[in-house]
Amino acid sequence: MGKRTFTAVIHEEGQGQYSAICPEVGTKSQGHSEEDALGNLRDATEMYLNVFPYKKQGKPVFKTFEAEVKEAEEEEG
């Protein structure tokens, strides 16, 4: 067994909720803070990799891009 470094993408969902995703493995989790979501994601990723061993891949390349989007309308009242 060894240690690997993975990426976490964390989004604030509102009302004290954060979601976290590990794009290399595909695991997801959530928590009441960024740290909580990250810890839960670490736990979920370790549990997943105990069942489905990690196949070493090349270093991921992350890029950003812009896309035209329609903004959701806020609900009234």
N, C-alpha and C. Protein backbone atom coordinates (compact mmCIF):
# COMPACT_ATOMS: atom_id res chain seq x y z
N MET A 1 0.85 -1.18 0.00
CA MET A 1 0.00 0.00 0.00
C MET A 1 0.89 1.24 0.00
N GLY A 2 0.46 2.25 -0.69
CA GLY A 2 1.20 3.48 -0.73
C GLY A 2 0.26 4.67 -0.75
N LYS A 3 0.84 5.84 -0.73
CA LYS A 3 0.02 7.04 -0.79
C LYS A 3 0.09 7.65 -2.17
N ARG A 4 -1.01 8.21 -2.61
CA ARG A 4 -1.10 8.94 -3.87
C ARG A 4 -1.76 10.28 -3.58
N THR A 5 -1.47 11.25 -4.41
CA THR A 5 -2.09 12.56 -4.29
C THR A 5 -3.20 12.65 -5.34
N PHE A 6 -4.39 13.04 -4.89
CA PHE A 6 -5.53 13.19 -5.77
C PHE A 6 -6.03 14.63 -5.72
N THR A 7 -6.90 14.97 -6.64
CA THR A 7 -7.47 16.31 -6.73
C THR A 7 -8.88 16.31 -6.14
N ALA A 8 -9.22 17.38 -5.44
CA ALA A 8 -10.58 17.57 -4.95
C ALA A 8 -11.12 18.86 -5.54
N VAL A 9 -12.30 18.78 -6.12
CA VAL A 9 -13.01 19.97 -6.60
C VAL A 9 -14.16 20.18 -5.63
N ILE A 10 -14.15 21.32 -4.96
CA ILE A 10 -15.13 21.58 -3.91
C ILE A 10 -16.01 22.76 -4.31
N HIS A 11 -17.32 22.58 -4.18
CA HIS A 11 -18.29 23.62 -4.51
C HIS A 11 -19.13 23.92 -3.27
N GLU A 12 -19.36 25.21 -3.03
CA GLU A 12 -20.28 25.60 -1.97
C GLU A 12 -21.69 25.49 -2.53
N GLU A 13 -22.51 24.70 -1.87
CA GLU A 13 -23.87 24.46 -2.35
C GLU A 13 -24.88 25.39 -1.68
N GLY A 14 -24.45 26.13 -0.67
CA GLY A 14 -25.36 27.01 0.05
C GLY A 14 -25.86 26.36 1.32
N GLN A 15 -26.37 27.16 2.22
CA GLN A 15 -26.92 26.72 3.49
C GLN A 15 -25.95 25.83 4.26
N GLY A 16 -24.66 26.19 4.22
CA GLY A 16 -23.66 25.44 4.98
C GLY A 16 -23.34 24.07 4.44
N GLN A 17 -23.56 23.84 3.16
CA GLN A 17 -23.26 22.55 2.54
C GLN A 17 -22.20 22.72 1.46
N TYR A 18 -21.27 21.79 1.42
CA TYR A 18 -20.23 21.77 0.40
C TYR A 18 -20.21 20.38 -0.23
N SER A 19 -20.00 20.33 -1.54
CA SER A 19 -19.84 19.06 -2.22
C SER A 19 -18.41 18.95 -2.72
N ALA A 20 -17.89 17.74 -2.76
CA ALA A 20 -16.52 17.51 -3.18
C ALA A 20 -16.49 16.33 -4.15
N ILE A 21 -15.66 16.46 -5.18
CA ILE A 21 -15.53 15.42 -6.21
C ILE A 21 -14.05 15.17 -6.44
N CYS A 22 -13.67 13.91 -6.59
CA CYS A 22 -12.32 13.54 -6.99
C CYS A 22 -12.38 13.10 -8.45
N PRO A 23 -11.95 13.95 -9.39
CA PRO A 23 -12.10 13.62 -10.81
C PRO A 23 -11.28 12.42 -11.27
N GLU A 24 -10.15 12.15 -10.63
CA GLU A 24 -9.33 11.01 -11.06
C GLU A 24 -10.01 9.68 -10.78
N VAL A 25 -10.75 9.60 -9.68
CA VAL A 25 -11.37 8.34 -9.26
C VAL A 25 -12.87 8.34 -9.53
N GLY A 26 -13.50 9.51 -9.43
CA GLY A 26 -14.95 9.61 -9.63
C GLY A 26 -15.74 9.57 -8.35
N THR A 27 -15.05 9.61 -7.20
CA THR A 27 -15.76 9.59 -5.93
C THR A 27 -16.31 10.98 -5.61
N LYS A 28 -17.38 11.00 -4.83
CA LYS A 28 -18.05 12.24 -4.45
C LYS A 28 -18.42 12.17 -2.98
N SER A 29 -18.50 13.35 -2.35
CA SER A 29 -18.95 13.41 -0.97
C SER A 29 -19.44 14.82 -0.68
N GLN A 30 -19.77 15.06 0.59
CA GLN A 30 -20.25 16.39 0.99
C GLN A 30 -19.93 16.61 2.46
N GLY A 31 -20.12 17.84 2.92
CA GLY A 31 -19.89 18.16 4.31
C GLY A 31 -20.39 19.55 4.63
N HIS A 32 -20.28 19.94 5.91
CA HIS A 32 -20.77 21.24 6.37
C HIS A 32 -19.71 22.32 6.28
N SER A 33 -18.49 21.96 5.85
CA SER A 33 -17.41 22.92 5.62
C SER A 33 -16.52 22.34 4.52
N GLU A 34 -15.62 23.17 3.99
CA GLU A 34 -14.70 22.65 2.98
C GLU A 34 -13.85 21.52 3.56
N GLU A 35 -13.37 21.70 4.78
CA GLU A 35 -12.53 20.68 5.42
C GLU A 35 -13.31 19.39 5.66
N ASP A 36 -14.56 19.52 6.08
CA ASP A 36 -15.42 18.37 6.32
C ASP A 36 -15.68 17.62 5.01
N ALA A 37 -15.99 18.35 3.95
CA ALA A 37 -16.23 17.73 2.64
C ALA A 37 -14.97 17.03 2.14
N LEU A 38 -13.80 17.66 2.33
CA LEU A 38 -12.54 17.07 1.90
C LEU A 38 -12.23 15.79 2.68
N GLY A 39 -12.43 15.82 4.00
CA GLY A 39 -12.21 14.62 4.82
C GLY A 39 -13.14 13.49 4.42
N ASN A 40 -14.42 13.82 4.17
CA ASN A 40 -15.38 12.80 3.75
C ASN A 40 -15.02 12.25 2.38
N LEU A 41 -14.51 13.11 1.49
CA LEU A 41 -14.08 12.66 0.17
C LEU A 41 -12.87 11.73 0.29
N ARG A 42 -11.94 12.06 1.17
CA ARG A 42 -10.78 11.19 1.40
C ARG A 42 -11.24 9.82 1.87
N ASP A 43 -12.16 9.79 2.85
CA ASP A 43 -12.68 8.52 3.35
C ASP A 43 -13.37 7.73 2.25
N ALA A 44 -14.22 8.39 1.46
CA ALA A 44 -14.94 7.72 0.38
C ALA A 44 -13.97 7.17 -0.67
N THR A 45 -12.93 7.94 -0.98
CA THR A 45 -11.96 7.52 -1.98
C THR A 45 -11.17 6.32 -1.48
N GLU A 46 -10.74 6.35 -0.21
CA GLU A 46 -10.01 5.21 0.35
C GLU A 46 -10.87 3.95 0.37
N MET A 47 -12.14 4.08 0.75
CA MET A 47 -13.03 2.91 0.75
C MET A 47 -13.21 2.36 -0.66
N TYR A 48 -13.42 3.25 -1.62
CA TYR A 48 -13.58 2.84 -3.02
C TYR A 48 -12.33 2.11 -3.51
N LEU A 49 -11.15 2.68 -3.22
CA LEU A 49 -9.91 2.09 -3.73
C LEU A 49 -9.53 0.80 -3.01
N ASN A 50 -10.12 0.53 -1.84
CA ASN A 50 -9.92 -0.77 -1.19
C ASN A 50 -10.66 -1.87 -1.94
N VAL A 51 -11.72 -1.51 -2.64
CA VAL A 51 -12.49 -2.49 -3.42
C VAL A 51 -12.01 -2.52 -4.88
N PHE A 52 -11.75 -1.34 -5.44
CA PHE A 52 -11.32 -1.22 -6.83
C PHE A 52 -9.93 -0.57 -6.85
N PRO A 53 -8.86 -1.37 -6.86
CA PRO A 53 -7.51 -0.80 -6.80
C PRO A 53 -7.25 0.22 -7.90
N TYR A 54 -6.45 1.22 -7.53
CA TYR A 54 -6.13 2.32 -8.43
C TYR A 54 -5.17 1.86 -9.51
N LYS A 55 -5.52 2.13 -10.76
CA LYS A 55 -4.64 1.84 -11.88
C LYS A 55 -3.86 3.11 -12.17
N LYS A 56 -2.55 3.04 -11.99
CA LYS A 56 -1.71 4.22 -12.18
C LYS A 56 -1.89 4.77 -13.59
N GLN A 57 -2.09 6.07 -13.65
CA GLN A 57 -2.29 6.77 -14.91
C GLN A 57 -1.28 7.91 -14.99
N GLY A 58 -1.20 8.52 -16.13
CA GLY A 58 -0.36 9.70 -16.25
C GLY A 58 -0.92 10.83 -15.42
N LYS A 59 -0.10 11.84 -15.18
CA LYS A 59 -0.53 12.99 -14.39
C LYS A 59 -1.67 13.70 -15.11
N PRO A 60 -2.78 13.99 -14.41
CA PRO A 60 -3.91 14.64 -15.08
C PRO A 60 -3.58 16.09 -15.46
N VAL A 61 -4.19 16.53 -16.52
CA VAL A 61 -4.05 17.92 -16.96
C VAL A 61 -5.41 18.57 -16.81
N PHE A 62 -5.47 19.65 -16.05
CA PHE A 62 -6.72 20.35 -15.83
C PHE A 62 -6.71 21.66 -16.60
N LYS A 63 -7.74 21.90 -17.34
CA LYS A 63 -7.91 23.12 -18.13
C LYS A 63 -9.25 23.74 -17.76
N THR A 64 -9.35 25.03 -17.93
CA THR A 64 -10.64 25.70 -17.77
C THR A 64 -11.10 26.17 -19.14
N PHE A 65 -12.39 26.35 -19.28
CA PHE A 65 -12.95 26.85 -20.54
C PHE A 65 -14.20 27.65 -20.24
N GLU A 66 -14.57 28.49 -21.17
CA GLU A 66 -15.79 29.28 -21.04
C GLU A 66 -16.86 28.72 -21.95
N ALA A 67 -18.10 28.79 -21.50
CA ALA A 67 -19.24 28.34 -22.29
C ALA A 67 -20.40 29.30 -22.04
N GLU A 68 -21.21 29.51 -23.04
CA GLU A 68 -22.40 30.34 -22.89
C GLU A 68 -23.43 29.56 -22.06
N VAL A 69 -23.96 30.21 -21.04
CA VAL A 69 -24.94 29.54 -20.17
C VAL A 69 -26.12 30.46 -19.92
N LYS A 70 -27.26 29.86 -19.70
CA LYS A 70 -28.44 30.61 -19.30
C LYS A 70 -28.52 30.55 -17.78
N GLU A 71 -28.56 31.71 -17.14
CA GLU A 71 -28.62 31.76 -15.69
C GLU A 71 -30.03 31.38 -15.21
N ALA A 72 -30.09 30.62 -14.14
CA ALA A 72 -31.38 30.23 -13.56
C ALA A 72 -32.04 31.47 -12.96
N GLU A 73 -33.34 31.56 -13.13
CA GLU A 73 -34.09 32.68 -12.57
C GLU A 73 -34.34 32.42 -11.10
N GLU A 74 -34.21 33.46 -10.28
CA GLU A 74 -34.47 33.32 -8.86
C GLU A 74 -35.97 33.25 -8.61
N GLU A 75 -36.34 32.41 -7.65
CA GLU A 75 -37.77 32.28 -7.30
C GLU A 75 -38.21 33.49 -6.49
N GLU A 76 -39.42 33.93 -6.74
CA GLU A 76 -39.98 35.06 -6.00
C GLU A 76 -40.77 34.56 -4.80
N GLY A 77 -40.68 35.35 -3.72
CA GLY A 77 -41.48 35.27 -2.58
C GLY A 77 -41.73 34.14 -1.79
